[in-house]
């Protein structure tokens, strides 16, 4: 507690920052949350933070992200870039220390435009 009072950052705030930071990385096809992703698709729900799980304490947080990588991008480099961008953004915007960022690669997809070119040839 500071002299001015408490500051508590909601989990959803950290989720949005982590999701935005993930989607900024080149080579991310989309974020996914597995079965929940399919249920949300059926219900017409498109939530930006799908595929992001966070644990937020008073001064620290941890993040799990589930992603689909675009075909042709090196997965280890994409995953490291996601980790670094999430840490940078959360630290700068909230002041929280990010103790870990776990990246789960769920799939690899070819961009729609590339699929169409292959079909047309």
C-alpha atoms as a PDB file:
ATOM      1  CA  UNK A   1       0.000   0.000   0.000  1.00  0.00           C
ATOM      2  CA  UNK A   2       1.287   3.437  -0.910  1.00  0.00           C
ATOM      3  CA  UNK A   3       0.610   6.619   1.065  1.00  0.00           C
ATOM      4  CA  UNK A   4      -2.170   7.427  -1.388  1.00  0.00           C
ATOM      5  CA  UNK A   5      -3.988   4.095  -1.175  1.00  0.00           C
ATOM      6  CA  UNK A   6      -4.173   0.796  -3.045  1.00  0.00           C
ATOM      7  CA  UNK A   7      -3.988   0.150  -6.759  1.00  0.00           C
ATOM      8  CA  UNK A   8      -5.436  -3.119  -8.030  1.00  0.00           C
ATOM      9  CA  UNK A   9      -5.249  -3.964 -11.721  1.00  0.00           C
ATOM     10  CA  UNK A  10      -8.032  -6.308 -12.839  1.00  0.00           C
ATOM     11  CA  UNK A  11      -7.174  -9.594 -14.515  1.00  0.00           C
ATOM     12  CA  UNK A  12      -9.150  -8.521 -17.608  1.00  0.00           C
ATOM     13  CA  UNK A  13      -6.913  -5.455 -18.032  1.00  0.00           C
ATOM     14  CA  UNK A  14      -3.804  -7.636 -18.091  1.00  0.00           C
ATOM     15  CA  UNK A  15      -5.551 -10.083 -20.469  1.00  0.00           C
ATOM     16  CA  UNK A  16      -6.319  -7.326 -22.974  1.00  0.00           C
ATOM     17  CA  UNK A  17      -2.735  -6.042 -22.852  1.00  0.00           C
ATOM     18  CA  UNK A  18      -1.350  -9.571 -23.342  1.00  0.00           C
ATOM     19  CA  UNK A  19      -3.749 -10.285 -26.228  1.00  0.00           C
ATOM     20  CA  UNK A  20      -2.920  -7.026 -28.013  1.00  0.00           C
ATOM     21  CA  UNK A  21       0.817  -7.604 -27.515  1.00  0.00           C
ATOM     22  CA  UNK A  22       0.488 -11.128 -28.927  1.00  0.00           C
ATOM     23  CA  UNK A  23      -1.436 -10.017 -32.006  1.00  0.00           C
ATOM     24  CA  UNK A  24       1.201  -7.344 -32.751  1.00  0.00           C
ATOM     25  CA  UNK A  25       3.804 -10.049 -33.501  1.00  0.00           C
ATOM     26  CA  UNK A  26       4.264 -10.912 -37.184  1.00  0.00           C
ATOM     27  CA  UNK A  27       3.456 -14.529 -37.871  1.00  0.00           C
ATOM     28  CA  UNK A  28       0.529 -14.836 -35.470  1.00  0.00           C
ATOM     29  CA  UNK A  29      -2.420 -16.248 -37.420  1.00  0.00           C
ATOM     30  CA  UNK A  30      -4.833 -15.989 -34.482  1.00  0.00           C
ATOM     31  CA  UNK A  31      -5.278 -16.706 -30.814  1.00  0.00           C
ATOM     32  CA  UNK A  32      -7.277 -19.733 -29.781  1.00  0.00           C
ATOM     33  CA  UNK A  33      -8.751 -21.278 -26.702  1.00  0.00           C
ATOM     34  CA  UNK A  34      -9.499 -24.778 -27.957  1.00  0.00           C
ATOM     35  CA  UNK A  35     -13.010 -26.073 -27.251  1.00  0.00           C
ATOM     36  CA  UNK A  36     -14.141 -22.709 -25.891  1.00  0.00           C
ATOM     37  CA  UNK A  37     -13.101 -21.187 -29.222  1.00  0.00           C
ATOM     38  CA  UNK A  38     -15.488 -23.487 -31.089  1.00  0.00           C
ATOM     39  CA  UNK A  39     -18.375 -22.819 -28.678  1.00  0.00           C
ATOM     40  CA  UNK A  40     -17.816 -19.055 -28.981  1.00  0.00           C
ATOM     41  CA  UNK A  41     -17.792 -19.362 -32.773  1.00  0.00           C
ATOM     42  CA  UNK A  42     -21.169 -21.156 -32.699  1.00  0.00           C
ATOM     43  CA  UNK A  43     -22.605 -18.510 -30.362  1.00  0.00           C
ATOM     44  CA  UNK A  44     -21.165 -15.677 -32.455  1.00  0.00           C
ATOM     45  CA  UNK A  45     -18.894 -14.423 -29.687  1.00  0.00           C
ATOM     46  CA  UNK A  46     -15.539 -13.008 -30.776  1.00  0.00           C
ATOM     47  CA  UNK A  47     -13.677 -12.081 -27.626  1.00  0.00           C
ATOM     48  CA  UNK A  48     -10.264 -10.486 -28.098  1.00  0.00           C
ATOM     49  CA  UNK A  49      -8.844 -12.164 -25.003  1.00  0.00           C
ATOM     50  CA  UNK A  50      -9.666 -15.731 -26.012  1.00  0.00           C
ATOM     51  CA  UNK A  51      -6.634 -17.894 -25.525  1.00  0.00           C
ATOM     52  CA  UNK A  52      -5.197 -15.748 -22.718  1.00  0.00           C
ATOM     53  CA  UNK A  53      -5.040 -16.801 -19.078  1.00  0.00           C
ATOM     54  CA  UNK A  54      -3.475 -14.610 -16.413  1.00  0.00           C
ATOM     55  CA  UNK A  55      -2.760 -14.720 -12.720  1.00  0.00           C
ATOM     56  CA  UNK A  56      -2.382 -11.255 -11.254  1.00  0.00           C
ATOM     57  CA  UNK A  57      -1.027 -10.504  -7.797  1.00  0.00           C
ATOM     58  CA  UNK A  58      -0.254  -7.202  -6.133  1.00  0.00           C
ATOM     59  CA  UNK A  59       3.106  -6.722  -7.855  1.00  0.00           C
ATOM     60  CA  UNK A  60       3.531  -9.702 -10.196  1.00  0.00           C
ATOM     61  CA  UNK A  61       1.654 -11.617 -12.843  1.00  0.00           C
ATOM     62  CA  UNK A  62       1.996 -14.655 -15.059  1.00  0.00           C
ATOM     63  CA  UNK A  63       0.507 -15.180 -18.504  1.00  0.00           C
ATOM     64  CA  UNK A  64      -0.444 -18.180 -20.655  1.00  0.00           C
ATOM     65  CA  UNK A  65      -1.276 -17.609 -24.327  1.00  0.00           C
ATOM     66  CA  UNK A  66      -2.557 -20.143 -26.841  1.00  0.00           C
ATOM     67  CA  UNK A  67      -1.795 -19.239 -30.449  1.00  0.00           C
ATOM     68  CA  UNK A  68      -1.965 -20.415 -34.023  1.00  0.00           C
ATOM     69  CA  UNK A  69       1.135 -19.539 -36.055  1.00  0.00           C
ATOM     70  CA  UNK A  70       1.086 -18.592 -39.707  1.00  0.00           C
ATOM     71  CA  UNK A  71       2.804 -21.193 -41.894  1.00  0.00           C
ATOM     72  CA  UNK A  72       6.335 -20.237 -42.924  1.00  0.00           C
ATOM     73  CA  UNK A  73       7.292 -18.359 -39.756  1.00  0.00           C
ATOM     74  CA  UNK A  74       9.859 -19.968 -37.427  1.00  0.00           C
ATOM     75  CA  UNK A  75       7.913 -21.080 -34.359  1.00  0.00           C
ATOM     76  CA  UNK A  76      10.702 -20.589 -31.767  1.00  0.00           C
ATOM     77  CA  UNK A  77      11.285 -17.017 -32.950  1.00  0.00           C
ATOM     78  CA  UNK A  78       7.546 -16.234 -32.962  1.00  0.00           C
ATOM     79  CA  UNK A  79       7.117 -17.673 -29.450  1.00  0.00           C
ATOM     80  CA  UNK A  80      10.077 -15.698 -28.090  1.00  0.00           C
ATOM     81  CA  UNK A  81       8.816 -12.510 -29.752  1.00  0.00           C
ATOM     82  CA  UNK A  82       5.395 -13.040 -28.153  1.00  0.00           C
ATOM     83  CA  UNK A  83       6.987 -13.517 -24.720  1.00  0.00           C
ATOM     84  CA  UNK A  84       9.147 -10.409 -25.070  1.00  0.00           C
ATOM     85  CA  UNK A  85       6.303  -8.226 -26.376  1.00  0.00           C
ATOM     86  CA  UNK A  86       3.920  -9.323 -23.616  1.00  0.00           C
ATOM     87  CA  UNK A  87       6.531  -8.652 -20.916  1.00  0.00           C
ATOM     88  CA  UNK A  88       7.372  -5.239 -22.389  1.00  0.00           C
ATOM     89  CA  UNK A  89       3.757  -4.102 -22.729  1.00  0.00           C
ATOM     90  CA  UNK A  90       2.510  -5.345 -19.358  1.00  0.00           C
ATOM     91  CA  UNK A  91       5.522  -3.898 -17.533  1.00  0.00           C
ATOM     92  CA  UNK A  92       5.267  -0.507 -19.261  1.00  0.00           C
ATOM     93  CA  UNK A  93       1.490  -0.158 -18.970  1.00  0.00           C
ATOM     94  CA  UNK A  94       0.845  -1.606 -15.505  1.00  0.00           C
ATOM     95  CA  UNK A  95       4.145  -1.608 -13.615  1.00  0.00           C
ATOM     96  CA  UNK A  96       3.613  -5.284 -12.790  1.00  0.00           C
ATOM     97  CA  UNK A  97       6.566  -7.658 -12.916  1.00  0.00           C
ATOM     98  CA  UNK A  98       5.875 -10.491 -15.343  1.00  0.00           C
ATOM     99  CA  UNK A  99       7.328 -13.636 -13.791  1.00  0.00           C
ATOM    100  CA  UNK A 100       6.519 -15.962 -16.697  1.00  0.00           C
ATOM    101  CA  UNK A 101       4.887 -16.065 -20.114  1.00  0.00           C
ATOM    102  CA  UNK A 102       3.970 -19.532 -21.367  1.00  0.00           C
ATOM    103  CA  UNK A 103       3.241 -19.787 -25.083  1.00  0.00           C
ATOM    104  CA  UNK A 104       1.296 -22.781 -26.348  1.00  0.00           C
ATOM    105  CA  UNK A 105       1.374 -23.361 -30.110  1.00  0.00           C
ATOM    106  CA  UNK A 106      -1.981 -24.949 -30.918  1.00  0.00           C
ATOM    107  CA  UNK A 107      -1.738 -25.125 -34.716  1.00  0.00           C
ATOM    108  CA  UNK A 108      -0.094 -23.817 -37.884  1.00  0.00           C
ATOM    109  CA  UNK A 109      -2.305 -22.305 -40.601  1.00  0.00           C
ATOM    110  CA  UNK A 110      -1.840 -21.042 -44.132  1.00  0.00           C
ATOM    111  CA  UNK A 111      -3.231 -17.548 -44.749  1.00  0.00           C
ATOM    112  CA  UNK A 112      -6.479 -17.527 -46.771  1.00  0.00           C
ATOM    113  CA  UNK A 113      -4.901 -15.557 -49.629  1.00  0.00           C
ATOM    114  CA  UNK A 114      -2.168 -18.154 -49.972  1.00  0.00           C
ATOM    115  CA  UNK A 115      -4.733 -20.980 -50.000  1.00  0.00           C
ATOM    116  CA  UNK A 116      -6.630 -19.298 -52.853  1.00  0.00           C
ATOM    117  CA  UNK A 117      -3.444 -18.900 -54.918  1.00  0.00           C
ATOM    118  CA  UNK A 118      -2.658 -22.599 -54.533  1.00  0.00           C
ATOM    119  CA  UNK A 119      -6.179 -23.592 -55.570  1.00  0.00           C
ATOM    120  CA  UNK A 120      -6.124 -21.311 -58.631  1.00  0.00           C
ATOM    121  CA  UNK A 121      -2.799 -22.636 -59.935  1.00  0.00           C
END
